[in-house]
Amino acid sequence: MEFDASLLVMMGIFGVVYTILRIFLFRPLLRVLKARESRIADAQQTYDSAVADAESKMEAERAKLTAARREATDHRDVLRRDAQVSRRKSLEEAKRVADEKIQSVRDELADQVEVERAKLEAQVDHLANEIASRVLGRAV
């Protein structure tokens, strides 16, 4: 059997080409891919950090908003109670004034009734005599 050296030459050429490709193509390509993965991982961490920060800020703002709503509701309730008390006082005062006016008018009417009654009683005898004299046709 004869030894064929072409196989060794081909293996040598393959080894040289592989070494050249590994040095000038594969290693730089792997460095670029690793750098890209590193940038992607950094960007993902930055994104996750920003999202977490935004969520915590949103939660803080929600808490502030809830507290502000609660405070506004409490303030509105206080104002509503104060308004009801004021309304009740105003109504009581208006009722008191109206009752005083009604009593005053009743007193005036009672006084006028007494005055008119006294006038009528004074005129009753005179009218009775006049009616009797006209009916009977003579002075009584």
N, C-alpha and C. Protein backbone atom coordinates (compact mmCIF):
# COMPACT_ATOMS: atom_id res chain seq x y z
N MET A 1 0.82 -1.15 0.00
CA MET A 1 0.00 0.00 0.00
C MET A 1 0.88 1.23 0.00
N GLU A 2 0.45 2.12 -0.81
CA GLU A 2 1.24 3.33 -0.94
C GLU A 2 0.64 4.43 -0.06
N PHE A 3 1.53 5.20 0.42
CA PHE A 3 1.10 6.29 1.27
C PHE A 3 0.80 7.52 0.42
N ASP A 4 -0.40 8.06 0.60
CA ASP A 4 -0.81 9.24 -0.18
C ASP A 4 -0.63 10.47 0.70
N ALA A 5 0.22 11.33 0.29
CA ALA A 5 0.55 12.51 1.07
C ALA A 5 -0.48 13.63 0.85
N SER A 6 -1.33 13.50 -0.11
CA SER A 6 -2.30 14.56 -0.40
C SER A 6 -3.28 14.74 0.78
N LEU A 7 -3.54 13.65 1.47
CA LEU A 7 -4.42 13.76 2.64
C LEU A 7 -3.76 14.61 3.70
N LEU A 8 -2.49 14.41 3.93
CA LEU A 8 -1.78 15.20 4.92
C LEU A 8 -1.71 16.67 4.50
N VAL A 9 -1.53 16.91 3.22
CA VAL A 9 -1.48 18.29 2.72
C VAL A 9 -2.84 18.93 2.92
N MET A 10 -3.90 18.23 2.63
CA MET A 10 -5.25 18.77 2.79
C MET A 10 -5.51 19.04 4.27
N MET A 11 -5.07 18.14 5.14
CA MET A 11 -5.27 18.35 6.57
C MET A 11 -4.44 19.56 7.04
N GLY A 12 -3.27 19.70 6.50
CA GLY A 12 -2.43 20.85 6.84
C GLY A 12 -3.07 22.15 6.36
N ILE A 13 -3.58 22.16 5.13
CA ILE A 13 -4.24 23.36 4.59
C ILE A 13 -5.48 23.67 5.44
N PHE A 14 -6.25 22.63 5.78
CA PHE A 14 -7.45 22.84 6.62
C PHE A 14 -7.05 23.44 7.95
N GLY A 15 -5.96 22.90 8.57
CA GLY A 15 -5.50 23.42 9.86
C GLY A 15 -5.08 24.87 9.76
N VAL A 16 -4.35 25.23 8.68
CA VAL A 16 -3.90 26.61 8.49
C VAL A 16 -5.10 27.51 8.25
N VAL A 17 -6.02 27.12 7.39
CA VAL A 17 -7.22 27.92 7.10
C VAL A 17 -8.06 28.06 8.36
N TYR A 18 -8.21 26.98 9.10
CA TYR A 18 -9.01 27.05 10.34
C TYR A 18 -8.36 28.00 11.33
N THR A 19 -7.07 27.94 11.49
CA THR A 19 -6.37 28.83 12.41
C THR A 19 -6.53 30.28 11.96
N ILE A 20 -6.37 30.55 10.68
CA ILE A 20 -6.53 31.92 10.16
C ILE A 20 -7.96 32.40 10.37
N LEU A 21 -8.92 31.52 10.05
CA LEU A 21 -10.33 31.91 10.23
C LEU A 21 -10.64 32.12 11.70
N ARG A 22 -10.08 31.28 12.56
CA ARG A 22 -10.35 31.42 13.99
C ARG A 22 -9.77 32.74 14.50
N ILE A 23 -8.61 33.09 14.07
CA ILE A 23 -7.97 34.32 14.54
C ILE A 23 -8.65 35.54 13.95
N PHE A 24 -8.93 35.55 12.67
CA PHE A 24 -9.43 36.75 11.99
C PHE A 24 -10.95 36.80 11.83
N LEU A 25 -11.66 35.71 12.01
CA LEU A 25 -13.11 35.73 11.81
C LEU A 25 -13.86 35.29 13.06
N PHE A 26 -13.59 34.09 13.53
CA PHE A 26 -14.40 33.55 14.63
C PHE A 26 -14.22 34.32 15.93
N ARG A 27 -12.96 34.60 16.33
CA ARG A 27 -12.75 35.34 17.59
C ARG A 27 -13.36 36.74 17.53
N PRO A 28 -13.10 37.54 16.48
CA PRO A 28 -13.75 38.86 16.43
C PRO A 28 -15.28 38.76 16.41
N LEU A 29 -15.78 37.78 15.70
CA LEU A 29 -17.24 37.59 15.64
C LEU A 29 -17.77 37.22 17.01
N LEU A 30 -17.10 36.34 17.74
CA LEU A 30 -17.53 35.97 19.09
C LEU A 30 -17.44 37.17 20.02
N ARG A 31 -16.38 38.00 19.88
CA ARG A 31 -16.28 39.21 20.71
C ARG A 31 -17.45 40.16 20.43
N VAL A 32 -17.79 40.32 19.17
CA VAL A 32 -18.92 41.19 18.81
C VAL A 32 -20.21 40.63 19.37
N LEU A 33 -20.41 39.30 19.26
CA LEU A 33 -21.64 38.69 19.78
C LEU A 33 -21.70 38.80 21.30
N LYS A 34 -20.55 38.58 21.99
CA LYS A 34 -20.54 38.71 23.44
C LYS A 34 -20.79 40.16 23.85
N ALA A 35 -20.22 41.11 23.13
CA ALA A 35 -20.45 42.53 23.43
C ALA A 35 -21.91 42.87 23.21
N ARG A 36 -22.47 42.31 22.16
CA ARG A 36 -23.90 42.54 21.88
C ARG A 36 -24.76 41.96 22.99
N GLU A 37 -24.48 40.74 23.41
CA GLU A 37 -25.22 40.12 24.50
C GLU A 37 -25.07 40.93 25.78
N SER A 38 -23.85 41.44 26.02
CA SER A 38 -23.61 42.25 27.20
C SER A 38 -24.43 43.54 27.14
N ARG A 39 -24.46 44.20 25.97
CA ARG A 39 -25.27 45.41 25.81
C ARG A 39 -26.75 45.10 25.97
N ILE A 40 -27.18 43.98 25.44
CA ILE A 40 -28.60 43.58 25.58
C ILE A 40 -28.92 43.35 27.05
N ALA A 41 -28.02 42.64 27.77
CA ALA A 41 -28.25 42.38 29.19
C ALA A 41 -28.26 43.69 29.97
N ASP A 42 -27.34 44.61 29.67
CA ASP A 42 -27.32 45.91 30.33
C ASP A 42 -28.60 46.70 30.03
N ALA A 43 -29.00 46.66 28.78
CA ALA A 43 -30.23 47.37 28.39
C ALA A 43 -31.44 46.77 29.10
N GLN A 44 -31.47 45.45 29.23
CA GLN A 44 -32.58 44.77 29.91
C GLN A 44 -32.58 45.16 31.39
N GLN A 45 -31.40 45.20 32.01
CA GLN A 45 -31.31 45.62 33.41
C GLN A 45 -31.75 47.07 33.57
N THR A 46 -31.32 47.91 32.66
CA THR A 46 -31.72 49.33 32.71
C THR A 46 -33.23 49.44 32.55
N TYR A 47 -33.78 48.69 31.61
CA TYR A 47 -35.23 48.70 31.39
C TYR A 47 -35.96 48.21 32.63
N ASP A 48 -35.51 47.07 33.20
CA ASP A 48 -36.16 46.53 34.39
C ASP A 48 -36.08 47.50 35.55
N SER A 49 -34.92 48.14 35.70
CA SER A 49 -34.74 49.13 36.76
C SER A 49 -35.67 50.32 36.55
N ALA A 50 -35.77 50.79 35.31
CA ALA A 50 -36.64 51.93 35.00
C ALA A 50 -38.10 51.57 35.22
N VAL A 51 -38.47 50.36 34.83
CA VAL A 51 -39.86 49.92 35.03
C VAL A 51 -40.17 49.83 36.52
N ALA A 52 -39.24 49.24 37.29
CA ALA A 52 -39.45 49.12 38.74
C ALA A 52 -39.53 50.51 39.38
N ASP A 53 -38.65 51.42 38.95
CA ASP A 53 -38.67 52.78 39.47
C ASP A 53 -39.98 53.48 39.12
N ALA A 54 -40.41 53.32 37.88
CA ALA A 54 -41.67 53.94 37.45
C ALA A 54 -42.85 53.36 38.23
N GLU A 55 -42.83 52.05 38.43
CA GLU A 55 -43.93 51.42 39.18
C GLU A 55 -43.95 51.89 40.63
N SER A 56 -42.76 52.02 41.24
CA SER A 56 -42.73 52.50 42.62
C SER A 56 -43.21 53.95 42.70
N LYS A 57 -42.82 54.76 41.71
CA LYS A 57 -43.28 56.16 41.69
C LYS A 57 -44.79 56.22 41.45
N MET A 58 -45.28 55.35 40.57
CA MET A 58 -46.73 55.31 40.31
C MET A 58 -47.48 54.89 41.58
N GLU A 59 -46.93 53.92 42.28
CA GLU A 59 -47.58 53.46 43.51
C GLU A 59 -47.57 54.57 44.56
N ALA A 60 -46.45 55.31 44.64
CA ALA A 60 -46.39 56.44 45.57
C ALA A 60 -47.41 57.51 45.18
N GLU A 61 -47.54 57.77 43.89
CA GLU A 61 -48.52 58.77 43.43
C GLU A 61 -49.95 58.28 43.69
N ARG A 62 -50.17 56.99 43.50
CA ARG A 62 -51.51 56.44 43.81
C ARG A 62 -51.82 56.59 45.29
N ALA A 63 -50.81 56.34 46.13
CA ALA A 63 -51.01 56.50 47.58
C ALA A 63 -51.31 57.96 47.91
N LYS A 64 -50.58 58.89 47.28
CA LYS A 64 -50.84 60.31 47.51
C LYS A 64 -52.24 60.69 47.04
N LEU A 65 -52.62 60.15 45.88
CA LEU A 65 -53.94 60.45 45.34
C LEU A 65 -55.03 59.90 46.25
N THR A 66 -54.83 58.70 46.74
CA THR A 66 -55.80 58.10 47.66
C THR A 66 -55.91 58.93 48.93
N ALA A 67 -54.76 59.35 49.47
CA ALA A 67 -54.76 60.19 50.67
C ALA A 67 -55.46 61.52 50.38
N ALA A 68 -55.20 62.10 49.21
CA ALA A 68 -55.83 63.38 48.86
C ALA A 68 -57.35 63.20 48.71
N ARG A 69 -57.75 62.09 48.11
CA ARG A 69 -59.19 61.83 47.98
C ARG A 69 -59.83 61.67 49.35
N ARG A 70 -59.15 60.92 50.22
CA ARG A 70 -59.68 60.71 51.57
C ARG A 70 -59.77 62.04 52.30
N GLU A 71 -58.73 62.87 52.18
CA GLU A 71 -58.73 64.18 52.83
C GLU A 71 -59.84 65.07 52.26
N ALA A 72 -60.01 65.03 50.95
CA ALA A 72 -61.06 65.84 50.32
C ALA A 72 -62.44 65.36 50.77
N THR A 73 -62.61 64.05 50.88
CA THR A 73 -63.89 63.51 51.34
C THR A 73 -64.16 63.93 52.78
N ASP A 74 -63.13 63.85 53.63
CA ASP A 74 -63.29 64.28 55.02
C ASP A 74 -63.62 65.76 55.09
N HIS A 75 -62.92 66.56 54.29
CA HIS A 75 -63.17 68.01 54.28
C HIS A 75 -64.59 68.30 53.79
N ARG A 76 -65.01 67.59 52.74
CA ARG A 76 -66.36 67.78 52.21
C ARG A 76 -67.41 67.40 53.26
N ASP A 77 -67.14 66.32 54.01
CA ASP A 77 -68.07 65.91 55.06
C ASP A 77 -68.16 66.97 56.17
N VAL A 78 -67.01 67.54 56.53
CA VAL A 78 -67.01 68.60 57.54
C VAL A 78 -67.80 69.80 57.03
N LEU A 79 -67.54 70.18 55.78
CA LEU A 79 -68.27 71.32 55.21
C LEU A 79 -69.77 71.03 55.14
N ARG A 80 -70.11 69.80 54.77
CA ARG A 80 -71.53 69.43 54.68
C ARG A 80 -72.18 69.51 56.07
N ARG A 81 -71.48 68.98 57.11
CA ARG A 81 -72.03 69.05 58.46
C ARG A 81 -72.17 70.50 58.91
N ASP A 82 -71.15 71.31 58.63
CA ASP A 82 -71.23 72.73 59.00
C ASP A 82 -72.39 73.41 58.28
N ALA A 83 -72.57 73.08 57.02
CA ALA A 83 -73.68 73.67 56.25
C ALA A 83 -75.02 73.23 56.82
N GLN A 84 -75.12 71.97 57.22
CA GLN A 84 -76.37 71.49 57.81
C GLN A 84 -76.66 72.18 59.13
N VAL A 85 -75.62 72.36 59.94
CA VAL A 85 -75.80 73.07 61.22
C VAL A 85 -76.22 74.51 60.95
N SER A 86 -75.55 75.15 60.00
CA SER A 86 -75.89 76.53 59.66
C SER A 86 -77.31 76.62 59.11
N ARG A 87 -77.67 75.66 58.28
CA ARG A 87 -79.03 75.64 57.71
C ARG A 87 -80.06 75.47 58.83
N ARG A 88 -79.77 74.53 59.75
CA ARG A 88 -80.69 74.28 60.85
C ARG A 88 -80.84 75.54 61.70
N LYS A 89 -79.71 76.23 61.99
CA LYS A 89 -79.77 77.46 62.78
C LYS A 89 -80.56 78.53 62.04
N SER A 90 -80.32 78.64 60.73
CA SER A 90 -81.06 79.64 59.93
C SER A 90 -82.55 79.35 59.94
N LEU A 91 -82.88 78.07 59.79
CA LEU A 91 -84.30 77.71 59.81
C LEU A 91 -84.93 77.99 61.17
N GLU A 92 -84.19 77.65 62.24
CA GLU A 92 -84.72 77.92 63.58
C GLU A 92 -84.90 79.41 63.80
N GLU A 93 -83.94 80.21 63.35
CA GLU A 93 -84.04 81.66 63.49
C GLU A 93 -85.21 82.20 62.67
N ALA A 94 -85.34 81.71 61.43
CA ALA A 94 -86.45 82.15 60.57
C ALA A 94 -87.79 81.76 61.20
N LYS A 95 -87.86 80.56 61.78
CA LYS A 95 -89.10 80.12 62.42
C LYS A 95 -89.40 80.98 63.64
N ARG A 96 -88.35 81.30 64.41
CA ARG A 96 -88.55 82.14 65.60
C ARG A 96 -89.05 83.52 65.18
N VAL A 97 -88.43 84.10 64.15
CA VAL A 97 -88.86 85.43 63.66
C VAL A 97 -90.28 85.36 63.15
N ALA A 98 -90.59 84.30 62.39
CA ALA A 98 -91.96 84.15 61.86
C ALA A 98 -92.96 83.99 62.99
N ASP A 99 -92.61 83.18 64.00
CA ASP A 99 -93.52 83.00 65.15
C ASP A 99 -93.73 84.31 65.88
N GLU A 100 -92.65 85.10 66.03
CA GLU A 100 -92.80 86.40 66.68
C GLU A 100 -93.71 87.32 65.87
N LYS A 101 -93.53 87.31 64.55
CA LYS A 101 -94.39 88.16 63.71
C LYS A 101 -95.84 87.69 63.77
N ILE A 102 -96.02 86.37 63.71
CA ILE A 102 -97.39 85.84 63.79
C ILE A 102 -98.03 86.22 65.12
N GLN A 103 -97.26 86.09 66.22
CA GLN A 103 -97.79 86.45 67.53
C GLN A 103 -98.10 87.95 67.58
N SER A 104 -97.20 88.74 66.99
CA SER A 104 -97.42 90.19 66.97
C SER A 104 -98.69 90.53 66.19
N VAL A 105 -98.87 89.89 65.03
CA VAL A 105 -100.06 90.13 64.22
C VAL A 105 -101.31 89.65 64.96
N ARG A 106 -101.21 88.52 65.64
CA ARG A 106 -102.36 88.02 66.42
C ARG A 106 -102.72 89.00 67.53
N ASP A 107 -101.68 89.51 68.20
CA ASP A 107 -101.93 90.49 69.27
C ASP A 107 -102.60 91.73 68.69
N GLU A 108 -102.10 92.21 67.54
CA GLU A 108 -102.71 93.39 66.90
C GLU A 108 -104.15 93.09 66.50
N LEU A 109 -104.37 91.90 65.94
CA LEU A 109 -105.75 91.53 65.55
C LEU A 109 -106.65 91.44 66.78
N ALA A 110 -106.13 90.88 67.86
CA ALA A 110 -106.92 90.77 69.09
C ALA A 110 -107.26 92.16 69.61
N ASP A 111 -106.27 93.08 69.56
CA ASP A 111 -106.53 94.45 69.99
C ASP A 111 -107.57 95.11 69.09
N GLN A 112 -107.44 94.91 67.77
CA GLN A 112 -108.41 95.49 66.84
C GLN A 112 -109.79 94.88 67.06
N VAL A 113 -109.84 93.58 67.32
CA VAL A 113 -111.14 92.94 67.57
C VAL A 113 -111.78 93.55 68.81
N GLU A 114 -110.98 93.78 69.87
CA GLU A 114 -111.50 94.38 71.09
C GLU A 114 -112.02 95.79 70.83
N VAL A 115 -111.22 96.55 70.05
CA VAL A 115 -111.63 97.92 69.74
C VAL A 115 -112.93 97.90 68.93
N GLU A 116 -112.99 97.05 67.92
CA GLU A 116 -114.19 96.98 67.07
C GLU A 116 -115.38 96.44 67.86
N ARG A 117 -115.11 95.48 68.74
CA ARG A 117 -116.19 94.94 69.59
C ARG A 117 -116.73 96.04 70.50
N ALA A 118 -115.84 96.83 71.06
CA ALA A 118 -116.28 97.94 71.93
C ALA A 118 -117.09 98.94 71.13
N LYS A 119 -116.67 99.22 69.90
CA LYS A 119 -117.41 100.14 69.03
C LYS A 119 -118.79 99.58 68.73
N LEU A 120 -118.81 98.25 68.40
CA LEU A 120 -120.10 97.62 68.09
C LEU A 120 -121.02 97.60 69.31
N GLU A 121 -120.45 97.32 70.48
CA GLU A 121 -121.29 97.31 71.68
C GLU A 121 -121.85 98.70 71.96
N ALA A 122 -121.04 99.71 71.67
CA ALA A 122 -121.52 101.08 71.87
C ALA A 122 -122.62 101.41 70.86
N GLN A 123 -122.54 100.85 69.69
CA GLN A 123 -123.53 101.15 68.67
C GLN A 123 -124.75 100.23 68.75
N VAL A 124 -124.64 99.11 69.47
CA VAL A 124 -125.74 98.14 69.54
C VAL A 124 -126.99 98.80 70.11
N ASP A 125 -126.85 99.46 71.22
CA ASP A 125 -128.04 100.08 71.83
C ASP A 125 -128.63 101.14 70.90
N HIS A 126 -127.83 101.95 70.33
CA HIS A 126 -128.30 102.98 69.41
C HIS A 126 -129.00 102.36 68.20
N LEU A 127 -128.39 101.29 67.61
CA LEU A 127 -129.00 100.63 66.45
C LEU A 127 -130.28 99.92 66.83
N ALA A 128 -130.30 99.30 68.01
CA ALA A 128 -131.51 98.60 68.45
C ALA A 128 -132.66 99.60 68.62
N ASN A 129 -132.38 100.74 69.20
CA ASN A 129 -133.42 101.76 69.37
C ASN A 129 -133.88 102.28 68.02
N GLU A 130 -132.98 102.48 67.12
CA GLU A 130 -133.35 103.00 65.81
C GLU A 130 -134.18 101.98 65.04
N ILE A 131 -133.79 100.67 65.12
CA ILE A 131 -134.54 99.61 64.43
C ILE A 131 -135.95 99.52 65.03
N ALA A 132 -135.99 99.55 66.35
CA ALA A 132 -137.29 99.43 67.02
C ALA A 132 -138.19 100.62 66.65
N SER A 133 -137.62 101.82 66.59
CA SER A 133 -138.45 102.99 66.27
C SER A 133 -138.93 102.93 64.83
N ARG A 134 -138.15 102.41 63.94
CA ARG A 134 -138.58 102.33 62.53
C ARG A 134 -139.63 101.24 62.37
N VAL A 135 -139.42 100.13 63.07
CA VAL A 135 -140.37 99.03 62.94
C VAL A 135 -141.71 99.43 63.59
N LEU A 136 -141.62 100.04 64.74
CA LEU A 136 -142.84 100.39 65.45
C LEU A 136 -143.41 101.73 64.95
N GLY A 137 -142.59 102.47 64.33
CA GLY A 137 -143.04 103.73 63.79
C GLY A 137 -143.08 104.82 64.83
N ARG A 138 -142.48 104.62 65.93
CA ARG A 138 -142.44 105.64 66.98
C ARG A 138 -141.10 105.63 67.67
N ALA A 139 -140.78 106.63 68.38
CA ALA A 139 -139.51 106.74 69.07
C ALA A 139 -139.55 105.92 70.34
N VAL A 140 -138.53 105.24 70.63
CA VAL A 140 -138.52 104.39 71.82
C VAL A 140 -137.68 105.03 72.89
